[in-house]
């Protein structure tokens, strides 16, 4: 598991495991596609990012790698 959220969040956890406080840390030039999607795609390229289904039953699975490729195109 990447635990990527730890790059952007600091938690205070009690002795019983309950989150009692947190602080967000978002860097100045933050870009969700580059900073999160691309990081997941690098570590787990085939990990499912989205499952789509319509009323007719058509289905598609999109991986983080697929999202990265399309993000890079944009």
Protein backbone atom coordinates (compact mmCIF):
# COMPACT_ATOMS: atom_id res chain seq x y z
CA UNK A 1 0.00 0.00 0.00
CA UNK A 2 1.37 3.39 -0.97
CA UNK A 3 -0.07 5.46 1.89
CA UNK A 4 0.37 8.44 -0.43
CA UNK A 5 -1.92 10.49 1.77
CA UNK A 6 0.92 10.77 4.29
CA UNK A 7 2.64 13.19 1.92
CA UNK A 8 -0.26 15.61 2.43
CA UNK A 9 -1.66 14.82 5.87
CA UNK A 10 -0.31 14.48 9.40
CA UNK A 11 -2.56 12.68 11.87
CA UNK A 12 -2.57 12.62 15.63
CA UNK A 13 -3.83 9.24 16.81
CA UNK A 14 -4.87 8.38 20.37
CA UNK A 15 -3.72 5.30 22.26
CA UNK A 16 -6.98 3.62 21.24
CA UNK A 17 -6.36 4.25 17.52
CA UNK A 18 -8.79 7.15 17.07
CA UNK A 19 -7.73 10.13 14.95
CA UNK A 20 -7.94 13.09 17.31
CA UNK A 21 -6.44 15.77 15.05
CA UNK A 22 -5.00 16.23 11.59
CA UNK A 23 -3.16 18.83 9.56
CA UNK A 24 -3.19 19.14 5.78
CA UNK A 25 0.06 19.89 3.96
CA UNK A 26 -0.54 20.83 0.34
CA UNK A 27 2.52 22.04 -1.55
CA UNK A 28 2.26 25.32 -3.47
CA UNK A 29 2.20 24.03 -7.05
CA UNK A 30 0.00 20.98 -6.31
CA UNK A 31 -1.41 19.14 -9.32
CA UNK A 32 -3.64 16.15 -8.54
CA UNK A 33 -2.90 14.42 -11.86
CA UNK A 34 0.87 14.64 -11.51
CA UNK A 35 1.25 14.42 -7.73
CA UNK A 36 -1.28 11.66 -7.04
CA UNK A 37 -2.40 9.83 -10.20
CA UNK A 38 1.11 9.62 -11.69
CA UNK A 39 2.59 8.45 -8.38
CA UNK A 40 0.07 5.61 -8.15
CA UNK A 41 0.57 4.76 -11.85
CA UNK A 42 4.33 4.50 -11.30
CA UNK A 43 3.95 2.16 -8.32
CA UNK A 44 0.90 0.15 -9.42
CA UNK A 45 0.24 0.75 -13.15
CA UNK A 46 -2.48 -1.90 -13.49
CA UNK A 47 -4.38 -0.88 -10.35
CA UNK A 48 -8.02 -0.11 -11.13
CA UNK A 49 -8.76 3.61 -10.91
CA UNK A 50 -12.32 3.52 -12.21
CA UNK A 51 -15.00 1.03 -13.14
CA UNK A 52 -17.67 2.37 -15.49
CA UNK A 53 -21.00 0.76 -16.38
CA UNK A 54 -24.00 2.23 -18.18
CA UNK A 55 -27.69 1.33 -18.12
CA UNK A 56 -27.25 -0.99 -21.13
CA UNK A 57 -24.66 -3.00 -19.22
CA UNK A 58 -21.62 -1.83 -21.18
CA UNK A 59 -18.56 -1.86 -18.93
CA UNK A 60 -15.05 -0.48 -18.91
CA UNK A 61 -12.21 -0.66 -16.40
CA UNK A 62 -9.65 2.15 -16.42
CA UNK A 63 -6.27 1.72 -14.73
CA UNK A 64 -4.11 4.41 -13.17
CA UNK A 65 -1.71 3.87 -16.06
CA UNK A 66 -4.55 4.61 -18.52
CA UNK A 67 -5.30 7.85 -16.66
CA UNK A 68 -1.62 8.82 -16.75
CA UNK A 69 -1.39 8.26 -20.49
CA UNK A 70 -4.44 10.43 -21.10
CA UNK A 71 -3.23 13.08 -18.62
CA UNK A 72 0.12 13.23 -20.42
CA UNK A 73 -1.70 13.70 -23.73
CA UNK A 74 -3.60 16.67 -22.32
